[in-house]
Amino acid sequence: MSKPWIDITVPMHDGMVHWPGDPECKISLFVSIPGGAPCNLTQMSLSAHTGTHMDAPRHFVRDGRTMEALPLDAVIGPCRVIELKHKTAITVAELAPHKLKRGERVLFKTRNSTKSWRLAKTSTFDENFIYIPADTAHYLVERGVMTVGVDYLSVGGYKKDGIECHQIMLGAEIWIIEGLNLAKVKPGKYELIC
């Protein structure tokens, strides 16, 4: 018997949490059948970095590859969810015992997953989310990890290692998935389809 799929995307909604300075997420019904249109049509206005999304190298690397160049094996195949307990960052010391392997897809579950940011009907941004510091980004590159997923809107911190983390990882063509909903996912091995 096959195991059930788990949707780890964040539901989109009007006014959802977004990176400070990015456009607010606005979702509205553009036309409707009850209003006389032949169909219902939703209009959306948002940043590409709202909710669950991916970063291509071009996001922080001038001549980096764009999302269209994404190799599908970066986001389809076995992955590992690793739960981390550090209160402020994803550290090399906490990752080392997990023996990350070359070509691995890893999703990091932190205390970000216990917060209701992904479901809140507010746009309050948490400036103190768990993030990947520059030294950990270098470690992930050294280990040869192919894909990294995190449970908040950025791999890098807010006003701490944000640019550096992205430049290090994307410069090494580590594909990044941000804004994952790992609240109901236990640590372990899974099949990822993104």
N, C-alpha and C. Protein backbone atom coordinates (compact mmCIF):
# COMPACT_ATOMS: atom_id res chain seq x y z
N MET A 1 0.84 -1.19 0.00
CA MET A 1 0.00 0.00 0.00
C MET A 1 0.89 1.25 0.00
N SER A 2 0.57 2.21 -0.83
CA SER A 2 1.38 3.42 -0.90
C SER A 2 1.08 4.35 0.27
N LYS A 3 2.10 5.12 0.64
CA LYS A 3 1.94 6.09 1.71
C LYS A 3 1.28 7.34 1.16
N PRO A 4 0.52 8.07 1.99
CA PRO A 4 -0.13 9.29 1.50
C PRO A 4 0.88 10.41 1.25
N TRP A 5 0.59 11.24 0.26
CA TRP A 5 1.41 12.41 -0.02
C TRP A 5 1.14 13.48 1.02
N ILE A 6 2.14 14.27 1.34
CA ILE A 6 2.00 15.38 2.29
C ILE A 6 2.29 16.67 1.53
N ASP A 7 1.33 17.57 1.50
CA ASP A 7 1.53 18.86 0.85
C ASP A 7 2.27 19.76 1.83
N ILE A 8 3.48 20.20 1.46
CA ILE A 8 4.28 21.04 2.37
C ILE A 8 4.37 22.48 1.86
N THR A 9 3.41 22.86 1.03
CA THR A 9 3.35 24.25 0.58
C THR A 9 2.50 25.06 1.55
N VAL A 10 2.75 26.35 1.58
CA VAL A 10 1.99 27.26 2.42
C VAL A 10 0.78 27.75 1.63
N PRO A 11 -0.42 27.65 2.19
CA PRO A 11 -1.61 28.14 1.47
C PRO A 11 -1.50 29.64 1.20
N MET A 12 -1.85 30.03 -0.01
CA MET A 12 -1.84 31.45 -0.38
C MET A 12 -3.10 32.11 0.13
N HIS A 13 -2.97 33.32 0.66
CA HIS A 13 -4.15 34.09 1.03
C HIS A 13 -3.84 35.58 1.02
N ASP A 14 -4.85 36.35 0.89
CA ASP A 14 -4.74 37.80 0.84
C ASP A 14 -4.07 38.32 2.12
N GLY A 15 -3.06 39.16 1.96
CA GLY A 15 -2.39 39.77 3.11
C GLY A 15 -1.43 38.86 3.86
N MET A 16 -1.02 37.75 3.25
CA MET A 16 -0.16 36.80 3.96
C MET A 16 1.23 37.39 4.25
N VAL A 17 1.97 36.74 5.13
CA VAL A 17 3.30 37.18 5.50
C VAL A 17 4.18 37.27 4.25
N HIS A 18 4.97 38.35 4.18
CA HIS A 18 5.88 38.54 3.06
C HIS A 18 7.14 39.25 3.56
N TRP A 19 8.19 39.17 2.77
CA TRP A 19 9.46 39.81 3.13
C TRP A 19 9.26 41.31 3.19
N PRO A 20 9.77 41.97 4.23
CA PRO A 20 9.63 43.43 4.34
C PRO A 20 10.15 44.15 3.09
N GLY A 21 9.34 45.04 2.57
CA GLY A 21 9.70 45.79 1.37
C GLY A 21 9.19 45.17 0.09
N ASP A 22 8.85 43.87 0.11
CA ASP A 22 8.27 43.22 -1.07
C ASP A 22 6.80 43.61 -1.17
N PRO A 23 6.21 43.48 -2.36
CA PRO A 23 4.78 43.79 -2.50
C PRO A 23 3.93 42.85 -1.64
N GLU A 24 2.89 43.40 -1.07
CA GLU A 24 1.94 42.61 -0.28
C GLU A 24 1.17 41.68 -1.20
N CYS A 25 0.82 40.51 -0.68
CA CYS A 25 0.02 39.55 -1.43
C CYS A 25 -1.44 40.01 -1.44
N LYS A 26 -1.97 40.20 -2.65
CA LYS A 26 -3.38 40.61 -2.80
C LYS A 26 -4.06 39.62 -3.73
N ILE A 27 -5.11 39.00 -3.23
CA ILE A 27 -5.87 38.01 -4.00
C ILE A 27 -7.33 38.43 -3.98
N SER A 28 -7.94 38.52 -5.15
CA SER A 28 -9.34 38.92 -5.21
C SER A 28 -10.02 38.24 -6.40
N LEU A 29 -11.32 38.18 -6.34
CA LEU A 29 -12.11 37.64 -7.44
C LEU A 29 -12.24 38.74 -8.49
N PHE A 30 -11.74 38.48 -9.68
CA PHE A 30 -11.74 39.48 -10.75
C PHE A 30 -13.11 39.52 -11.44
N VAL A 31 -13.58 38.34 -11.83
CA VAL A 31 -14.94 38.21 -12.36
C VAL A 31 -15.56 36.95 -11.77
N SER A 32 -16.90 36.89 -11.74
CA SER A 32 -17.57 35.73 -11.16
C SER A 32 -18.81 35.35 -11.96
N ILE A 33 -19.17 34.09 -11.85
CA ILE A 33 -20.39 33.60 -12.50
C ILE A 33 -21.61 34.31 -11.92
N PRO A 34 -21.70 34.42 -10.55
CA PRO A 34 -22.86 35.16 -10.02
C PRO A 34 -22.90 36.63 -10.48
N GLY A 35 -21.75 37.19 -10.84
CA GLY A 35 -21.70 38.57 -11.31
C GLY A 35 -21.97 38.71 -12.80
N GLY A 36 -22.30 37.59 -13.47
CA GLY A 36 -22.65 37.65 -14.88
C GLY A 36 -21.57 37.17 -15.83
N ALA A 37 -20.39 36.84 -15.34
CA ALA A 37 -19.32 36.35 -16.21
C ALA A 37 -19.53 34.86 -16.51
N PRO A 38 -18.94 34.35 -17.58
CA PRO A 38 -19.11 32.93 -17.89
C PRO A 38 -18.23 32.03 -17.01
N CYS A 39 -17.36 32.65 -16.19
CA CYS A 39 -16.47 31.87 -15.33
C CYS A 39 -16.10 32.68 -14.09
N ASN A 40 -15.48 32.00 -13.14
CA ASN A 40 -14.88 32.68 -11.98
C ASN A 40 -13.39 32.83 -12.28
N LEU A 41 -12.83 34.01 -12.04
CA LEU A 41 -11.44 34.26 -12.33
C LEU A 41 -10.80 35.04 -11.18
N THR A 42 -9.73 34.49 -10.62
CA THR A 42 -9.03 35.12 -9.51
C THR A 42 -7.88 35.97 -10.02
N GLN A 43 -7.70 37.12 -9.41
CA GLN A 43 -6.57 38.00 -9.72
C GLN A 43 -5.61 37.98 -8.54
N MET A 44 -4.31 37.82 -8.84
CA MET A 44 -3.30 37.80 -7.79
C MET A 44 -2.21 38.82 -8.08
N SER A 45 -1.74 39.47 -7.03
CA SER A 45 -0.61 40.40 -7.12
C SER A 45 0.30 40.09 -5.94
N LEU A 46 1.55 39.69 -6.22
CA LEU A 46 2.45 39.31 -5.15
C LEU A 46 3.88 39.25 -5.66
N SER A 47 4.82 39.17 -4.75
CA SER A 47 6.22 38.96 -5.09
C SER A 47 6.41 37.48 -5.38
N ALA A 48 7.38 37.15 -6.22
CA ALA A 48 7.70 35.75 -6.50
C ALA A 48 8.28 35.06 -5.28
N HIS A 49 8.58 35.82 -4.23
CA HIS A 49 9.15 35.26 -3.01
C HIS A 49 8.15 35.27 -1.86
N THR A 50 6.90 35.03 -2.20
CA THR A 50 5.82 34.94 -1.21
C THR A 50 5.49 33.47 -1.01
N GLY A 51 5.23 33.08 0.24
CA GLY A 51 4.83 31.70 0.51
C GLY A 51 5.92 30.71 0.11
N THR A 52 5.52 29.51 -0.28
CA THR A 52 6.48 28.48 -0.70
C THR A 52 6.97 28.83 -2.10
N HIS A 53 8.28 28.93 -2.24
CA HIS A 53 8.86 29.33 -3.52
C HIS A 53 10.28 28.80 -3.63
N MET A 54 10.87 28.95 -4.81
CA MET A 54 12.25 28.52 -5.03
C MET A 54 13.10 29.70 -5.46
N ASP A 55 14.39 29.61 -5.15
CA ASP A 55 15.37 30.59 -5.61
C ASP A 55 16.29 29.92 -6.62
N ALA A 56 16.41 30.54 -7.78
CA ALA A 56 17.38 30.09 -8.78
C ALA A 56 18.68 30.86 -8.56
N PRO A 57 19.81 30.37 -9.07
CA PRO A 57 21.06 31.08 -8.91
C PRO A 57 20.98 32.56 -9.34
N ARG A 58 20.24 32.88 -10.39
CA ARG A 58 20.15 34.26 -10.89
C ARG A 58 19.61 35.23 -9.81
N HIS A 59 18.94 34.71 -8.80
CA HIS A 59 18.39 35.57 -7.74
C HIS A 59 19.50 36.40 -7.07
N PHE A 60 20.69 35.82 -6.89
CA PHE A 60 21.79 36.55 -6.25
C PHE A 60 23.11 36.46 -7.02
N VAL A 61 23.12 35.77 -8.15
CA VAL A 61 24.35 35.62 -8.94
C VAL A 61 24.08 36.26 -10.30
N ARG A 62 24.84 37.30 -10.64
CA ARG A 62 24.58 38.09 -11.85
C ARG A 62 24.32 37.25 -13.10
N ASP A 63 25.16 36.31 -13.40
CA ASP A 63 24.98 35.48 -14.59
C ASP A 63 24.57 34.06 -14.24
N GLY A 64 23.96 33.88 -13.07
CA GLY A 64 23.53 32.56 -12.64
C GLY A 64 22.39 32.03 -13.48
N ARG A 65 22.18 30.73 -13.39
CA ARG A 65 21.10 30.10 -14.16
C ARG A 65 19.75 30.56 -13.63
N THR A 66 18.78 30.61 -14.53
CA THR A 66 17.42 31.00 -14.17
C THR A 66 16.59 29.75 -13.84
N MET A 67 15.40 29.98 -13.34
CA MET A 67 14.55 28.86 -12.91
C MET A 67 14.24 27.91 -14.06
N GLU A 68 14.18 28.43 -15.29
CA GLU A 68 13.89 27.56 -16.43
C GLU A 68 14.99 26.51 -16.64
N ALA A 69 16.20 26.81 -16.12
CA ALA A 69 17.33 25.89 -16.29
C ALA A 69 17.41 24.87 -15.15
N LEU A 70 16.46 24.92 -14.25
CA LEU A 70 16.44 24.01 -13.11
C LEU A 70 16.46 22.56 -13.57
N PRO A 71 17.44 21.77 -13.14
CA PRO A 71 17.40 20.35 -13.47
C PRO A 71 16.33 19.68 -12.60
N LEU A 72 15.41 18.98 -13.22
CA LEU A 72 14.30 18.41 -12.47
C LEU A 72 14.75 17.46 -11.37
N ASP A 73 15.91 16.82 -11.52
CA ASP A 73 16.36 15.92 -10.46
C ASP A 73 16.73 16.68 -9.17
N ALA A 74 16.85 17.99 -9.25
CA ALA A 74 17.11 18.78 -8.04
C ALA A 74 15.89 18.78 -7.12
N VAL A 75 14.71 18.60 -7.69
CA VAL A 75 13.48 18.71 -6.90
C VAL A 75 12.55 17.50 -7.02
N ILE A 76 13.02 16.45 -7.65
CA ILE A 76 12.23 15.22 -7.75
C ILE A 76 13.13 14.05 -7.37
N GLY A 77 12.77 13.36 -6.31
CA GLY A 77 13.55 12.21 -5.88
C GLY A 77 13.63 12.12 -4.36
N PRO A 78 14.43 11.21 -3.86
CA PRO A 78 14.54 11.03 -2.41
C PRO A 78 15.03 12.31 -1.73
N CYS A 79 14.49 12.58 -0.56
CA CYS A 79 14.96 13.71 0.24
C CYS A 79 14.95 13.29 1.70
N ARG A 80 15.57 14.12 2.50
CA ARG A 80 15.60 13.83 3.94
C ARG A 80 15.16 15.08 4.69
N VAL A 81 14.23 14.90 5.62
CA VAL A 81 13.82 15.98 6.52
C VAL A 81 14.63 15.83 7.79
N ILE A 82 15.35 16.89 8.14
CA ILE A 82 16.18 16.89 9.34
C ILE A 82 15.64 17.94 10.30
N GLU A 83 15.29 17.49 11.50
CA GLU A 83 14.78 18.42 12.51
C GLU A 83 15.94 18.94 13.34
N LEU A 84 16.00 20.26 13.48
CA LEU A 84 17.09 20.92 14.20
C LEU A 84 16.52 21.74 15.36
N LYS A 85 17.26 21.78 16.45
CA LYS A 85 16.73 22.39 17.67
C LYS A 85 17.39 23.71 18.08
N HIS A 86 18.47 24.12 17.39
CA HIS A 86 19.15 25.35 17.77
C HIS A 86 18.16 26.50 17.77
N LYS A 87 18.29 27.41 18.72
CA LYS A 87 17.28 28.46 18.91
C LYS A 87 17.41 29.64 17.96
N THR A 88 18.56 29.80 17.28
CA THR A 88 18.70 30.96 16.40
C THR A 88 19.14 30.65 14.98
N ALA A 89 19.86 29.53 14.77
CA ALA A 89 20.41 29.28 13.44
C ALA A 89 20.61 27.79 13.18
N ILE A 90 20.77 27.45 11.91
CA ILE A 90 21.12 26.10 11.49
C ILE A 90 22.64 26.05 11.49
N THR A 91 23.21 25.31 12.44
CA THR A 91 24.66 25.36 12.64
C THR A 91 25.37 24.13 12.08
N VAL A 92 26.65 24.31 11.77
CA VAL A 92 27.49 23.21 11.30
C VAL A 92 27.55 22.13 12.37
N ALA A 93 27.70 22.54 13.63
CA ALA A 93 27.80 21.57 14.73
C ALA A 93 26.56 20.69 14.82
N GLU A 94 25.40 21.25 14.57
CA GLU A 94 24.17 20.46 14.65
C GLU A 94 23.97 19.59 13.39
N LEU A 95 24.49 20.05 12.26
CA LEU A 95 24.35 19.28 11.01
C LEU A 95 25.36 18.14 10.88
N ALA A 96 26.56 18.32 11.42
CA ALA A 96 27.65 17.35 11.24
C ALA A 96 27.24 15.90 11.54
N PRO A 97 26.52 15.63 12.65
CA PRO A 97 26.15 14.23 12.94
C PRO A 97 25.22 13.60 11.89
N HIS A 98 24.58 14.42 11.06
CA HIS A 98 23.66 13.90 10.06
C HIS A 98 24.37 13.42 8.79
N LYS A 99 25.67 13.65 8.71
CA LYS A 99 26.49 13.15 7.60
C LYS A 99 25.84 13.39 6.23
N LEU A 100 25.64 14.67 5.91
CA LEU A 100 25.06 15.03 4.62
C LEU A 100 25.90 14.49 3.48
N LYS A 101 25.22 14.04 2.43
CA LYS A 101 25.91 13.41 1.31
C LYS A 101 25.83 14.26 0.03
N ARG A 102 26.82 14.05 -0.83
CA ARG A 102 26.86 14.73 -2.14
C ARG A 102 25.59 14.37 -2.91
N GLY A 103 24.96 15.40 -3.51
CA GLY A 103 23.77 15.20 -4.31
C GLY A 103 22.49 15.03 -3.52
N GLU A 104 22.55 15.20 -2.21
CA GLU A 104 21.37 14.98 -1.37
C GLU A 104 20.43 16.19 -1.41
N ARG A 105 19.15 15.89 -1.26
CA ARG A 105 18.11 16.91 -1.10
C ARG A 105 17.74 16.89 0.38
N VAL A 106 17.87 18.05 1.05
CA VAL A 106 17.57 18.11 2.48
C VAL A 106 16.59 19.24 2.78
N LEU A 107 15.64 18.96 3.65
CA LEU A 107 14.68 19.95 4.11
C LEU A 107 14.89 20.11 5.61
N PHE A 108 15.11 21.34 6.05
CA PHE A 108 15.39 21.59 7.46
C PHE A 108 14.13 22.05 8.20
N LYS A 109 13.76 21.26 9.20
CA LYS A 109 12.61 21.59 10.05
C LYS A 109 13.16 22.19 11.34
N THR A 110 12.74 23.42 11.64
CA THR A 110 13.22 24.14 12.83
C THR A 110 12.03 24.61 13.65
N ARG A 111 12.31 25.44 14.64
CA ARG A 111 11.20 26.00 15.42
C ARG A 111 10.31 26.89 14.57
N ASN A 112 10.80 27.30 13.38
CA ASN A 112 9.93 28.06 12.47
C ASN A 112 8.64 27.28 12.17
N SER A 113 8.75 25.96 12.13
CA SER A 113 7.59 25.12 11.81
C SER A 113 6.53 25.12 12.91
N THR A 114 6.93 25.47 14.13
CA THR A 114 5.96 25.48 15.23
C THR A 114 5.18 26.78 15.29
N LYS A 115 5.63 27.77 14.57
CA LYS A 115 4.94 29.06 14.56
C LYS A 115 3.82 29.04 13.54
N SER A 116 2.86 29.90 13.73
CA SER A 116 1.70 29.91 12.84
C SER A 116 1.87 30.89 11.68
N TRP A 117 3.11 31.27 11.33
CA TRP A 117 3.33 32.25 10.26
C TRP A 117 2.69 31.81 8.95
N ARG A 118 2.69 30.53 8.69
CA ARG A 118 2.21 30.04 7.40
C ARG A 118 0.69 30.03 7.30
N LEU A 119 0.01 30.14 8.41
CA LEU A 119 -1.45 30.11 8.39
C LEU A 119 -2.08 31.41 8.89
N ALA A 120 -1.28 32.26 9.49
CA ALA A 120 -1.79 33.48 10.12
C ALA A 120 -2.48 34.39 9.11
N LYS A 121 -3.53 35.00 9.54
CA LYS A 121 -4.26 35.95 8.70
C LYS A 121 -3.70 37.35 8.92
N THR A 122 -2.41 37.41 9.16
CA THR A 122 -1.73 38.68 9.38
C THR A 122 -0.48 38.72 8.50
N SER A 123 0.05 39.88 8.28
CA SER A 123 1.27 40.00 7.48
C SER A 123 2.49 40.26 8.36
N THR A 124 2.39 39.93 9.65
CA THR A 124 3.50 40.17 10.57
C THR A 124 4.68 39.27 10.24
N PHE A 125 5.80 39.90 9.94
CA PHE A 125 7.03 39.20 9.57
C PHE A 125 7.86 38.95 10.82
N ASP A 126 8.36 37.72 10.99
CA ASP A 126 9.20 37.36 12.14
C ASP A 126 10.65 37.63 11.79
N GLU A 127 11.22 38.68 12.35
CA GLU A 127 12.62 39.04 12.07
C GLU A 127 13.61 38.06 12.70
N ASN A 128 13.17 37.25 13.64
CA ASN A 128 14.05 36.33 14.37
C ASN A 128 13.87 34.87 13.97
N PHE A 129 13.56 34.63 12.71
CA PHE A 129 13.39 33.24 12.25
C PHE A 129 14.74 32.52 12.24
N ILE A 130 14.69 31.18 12.29
CA ILE A 130 15.90 30.36 12.20
C ILE A 130 16.42 30.44 10.77
N TYR A 131 17.72 30.63 10.61
CA TYR A 131 18.30 30.83 9.29
C TYR A 131 19.62 30.07 9.15
N ILE A 132 20.19 30.09 7.95
CA ILE A 132 21.47 29.45 7.67
C ILE A 132 22.55 30.53 7.63
N PRO A 133 23.48 30.53 8.59
CA PRO A 133 24.57 31.50 8.57
C PRO A 133 25.57 31.17 7.45
N ALA A 134 26.43 32.12 7.13
CA ALA A 134 27.40 31.96 6.03
C ALA A 134 28.29 30.73 6.22
N ASP A 135 28.75 30.46 7.46
CA ASP A 135 29.63 29.30 7.66
C ASP A 135 28.90 27.99 7.39
N THR A 136 27.63 27.93 7.70
CA THR A 136 26.84 26.73 7.41
C THR A 136 26.58 26.62 5.90
N ALA A 137 26.38 27.75 5.24
CA ALA A 137 26.22 27.73 3.78
C ALA A 137 27.48 27.15 3.13
N HIS A 138 28.66 27.57 3.59
CA HIS A 138 29.92 27.01 3.07
C HIS A 138 29.99 25.49 3.33
N TYR A 139 29.55 25.06 4.51
CA TYR A 139 29.55 23.64 4.86
C TYR A 139 28.65 22.85 3.91
N LEU A 140 27.47 23.38 3.59
CA LEU A 140 26.54 22.71 2.67
C LEU A 140 27.16 22.59 1.28
N VAL A 141 27.88 23.62 0.86
CA VAL A 141 28.59 23.57 -0.43
C VAL A 141 29.67 22.49 -0.38
N GLU A 142 30.46 22.48 0.69
CA GLU A 142 31.54 21.48 0.84
C GLU A 142 30.99 20.06 0.83
N ARG A 143 29.83 19.86 1.41
CA ARG A 143 29.22 18.52 1.46
C ARG A 143 28.62 18.14 0.11
N GLY A 144 28.43 19.10 -0.78
CA GLY A 144 27.91 18.80 -2.11
C GLY A 144 26.41 18.59 -2.16
N VAL A 145 25.69 19.18 -1.20
CA VAL A 145 24.23 19.05 -1.18
C VAL A 145 23.65 19.69 -2.45
N MET A 146 22.64 19.06 -3.03
CA MET A 146 22.06 19.56 -4.28
C MET A 146 20.92 20.55 -4.03
N THR A 147 20.07 20.25 -3.04
CA THR A 147 18.88 21.06 -2.79
C THR A 147 18.70 21.25 -1.28
N VAL A 148 18.35 22.47 -0.88
CA VAL A 148 18.10 22.79 0.52
C VAL A 148 16.74 23.45 0.63
N GLY A 149 15.91 22.96 1.55
CA GLY A 149 14.61 23.57 1.81
C GLY A 149 14.55 24.03 3.25
N VAL A 150 13.90 25.17 3.48
CA VAL A 150 13.76 25.73 4.84
C VAL A 150 12.30 26.10 5.12
N ASP A 151 12.00 26.22 6.40
CA ASP A 151 10.63 26.46 6.83
C ASP A 151 10.33 27.91 7.19
N TYR A 152 10.98 28.85 6.51
CA TYR A 152 10.59 30.26 6.57
C TYR A 152 10.91 30.88 5.22
N LEU A 153 10.74 32.17 5.07
CA LEU A 153 10.80 32.82 3.77
C LEU A 153 12.20 33.02 3.20
N SER A 154 13.25 32.66 3.94
CA SER A 154 14.60 32.84 3.42
C SER A 154 15.56 31.85 4.06
N VAL A 155 16.57 31.40 3.30
CA VAL A 155 17.63 30.59 3.88
C VAL A 155 18.54 31.46 4.74
N GLY A 156 18.78 32.69 4.29
CA GLY A 156 19.62 33.61 5.05
C GLY A 156 18.80 34.41 6.03
N GLY A 157 19.44 34.91 7.06
CA GLY A 157 18.74 35.65 8.10
C GLY A 157 18.30 37.04 7.68
N TYR A 158 17.47 37.62 8.52
CA TYR A 158 17.03 38.99 8.30
C TYR A 158 18.09 39.91 8.88
N LYS A 159 18.76 40.64 8.03
CA LYS A 159 19.84 41.55 8.42
C LYS A 159 21.04 40.83 9.01
N LYS A 160 21.17 39.51 8.76
CA LYS A 160 22.35 38.76 9.20
C LYS A 160 22.57 37.58 8.26
N ASP A 161 23.61 37.69 7.47
CA ASP A 161 24.02 36.64 6.53
C ASP A 161 23.03 36.35 5.41
N GLY A 162 22.04 37.19 5.21
CA GLY A 162 21.05 36.94 4.17
C GLY A 162 21.64 36.94 2.77
N ILE A 163 22.34 38.00 2.42
CA ILE A 163 22.94 38.11 1.09
C ILE A 163 24.05 37.08 0.95
N GLU A 164 24.94 36.99 1.94
CA GLU A 164 26.07 36.07 1.88
C GLU A 164 25.61 34.62 1.72
N CYS A 165 24.64 34.21 2.51
CA CYS A 165 24.14 32.84 2.45
C CYS A 165 23.63 32.51 1.04
N HIS A 166 22.83 33.40 0.49
CA HIS A 166 22.31 33.19 -0.86
C HIS A 166 23.44 33.14 -1.89
N GLN A 167 24.37 34.06 -1.80
CA GLN A 167 25.47 34.10 -2.78
C GLN A 167 26.31 32.82 -2.71
N ILE A 168 26.59 32.35 -1.52
CA ILE A 168 27.39 31.13 -1.34
C ILE A 168 26.67 29.92 -1.93
N MET A 169 25.42 29.73 -1.51
CA MET A 169 24.69 28.54 -1.94
C MET A 169 24.30 28.59 -3.42
N LEU A 170 23.75 29.72 -3.85
CA LEU A 170 23.33 29.83 -5.24
C LEU A 170 24.54 29.89 -6.18
N GLY A 171 25.64 30.45 -5.70
CA GLY A 171 26.87 30.47 -6.49
C GLY A 171 27.40 29.07 -6.75
N ALA A 172 27.10 28.15 -5.84
CA ALA A 172 27.50 26.75 -6.00
C ALA A 172 26.39 25.92 -6.65
N GLU A 173 25.32 26.60 -7.08
CA GLU A 173 24.15 25.99 -7.70
C GLU A 173 23.46 24.98 -6.80
N ILE A 174 23.39 25.31 -5.52
CA ILE A 174 22.49 24.58 -4.62
C ILE A 174 21.12 25.19 -4.86
N TRP A 175 20.15 24.36 -5.19
CA TRP A 175 18.80 24.85 -5.44
C TRP A 175 18.09 25.03 -4.11
N ILE A 176 17.40 26.14 -3.93
CA ILE A 176 16.81 26.54 -2.66
C ILE A 176 15.29 26.55 -2.74
N ILE A 177 14.67 25.91 -1.74
CA ILE A 177 13.21 25.96 -1.58
C ILE A 177 12.96 26.67 -0.26
N GLU A 178 12.18 27.73 -0.29
CA GLU A 178 11.90 28.51 0.92
C GLU A 178 10.40 28.53 1.21
N GLY A 179 10.07 28.77 2.48
CA GLY A 179 8.67 28.88 2.86
C GLY A 179 7.93 27.56 2.94
N LEU A 180 8.63 26.49 3.34
CA LEU A 180 7.98 25.18 3.45
C LEU A 180 7.13 25.07 4.71
N ASN A 181 6.08 24.30 4.63
CA ASN A 181 5.22 24.01 5.78
C ASN A 181 5.56 22.60 6.26
N LEU A 182 6.47 22.51 7.22
CA LEU A 182 6.91 21.21 7.73
C LEU A 182 6.30 20.88 9.09
N ALA A 183 5.27 21.61 9.48
CA ALA A 183 4.67 21.46 10.80
C ALA A 183 4.25 20.02 11.11
N LYS A 184 3.71 19.31 10.13
CA LYS A 184 3.19 17.96 10.38
C LYS A 184 4.09 16.87 9.80
N VAL A 185 5.33 17.24 9.46
CA VAL A 185 6.26 16.29 8.86
C VAL A 185 7.29 15.86 9.90
N LYS A 186 7.40 14.54 10.07
CA LYS A 186 8.40 14.00 11.01
C LYS A 186 9.74 13.88 10.32
N PRO A 187 10.83 13.97 11.08
CA PRO A 187 12.14 13.76 10.47
C PRO A 187 12.21 12.38 9.82
N GLY A 188 12.94 12.30 8.72
CA GLY A 188 13.09 11.01 8.05
C GLY A 188 13.24 11.15 6.56
N LYS A 189 13.14 10.02 5.88
CA LYS A 189 13.31 9.96 4.43
C LYS A 189 11.96 10.03 3.73
N TYR A 190 11.92 10.79 2.65
CA TYR A 190 10.70 10.99 1.88
C TYR A 190 11.02 11.03 0.40
N GLU A 191 9.98 11.03 -0.41
CA GLU A 191 10.10 11.26 -1.84
C GLU A 191 9.61 12.69 -2.07
N LEU A 192 10.44 13.52 -2.69
CA LEU A 192 10.11 14.92 -2.93
C LEU A 192 9.68 15.11 -4.37
N ILE A 193 8.55 15.78 -4.56
CA ILE A 193 8.13 16.20 -5.90
C ILE A 193 7.77 17.67 -5.77
N CYS A 194 8.60 18.52 -6.40
CA CYS A 194 8.42 19.96 -6.26
C CYS A 194 8.37 20.58 -7.64
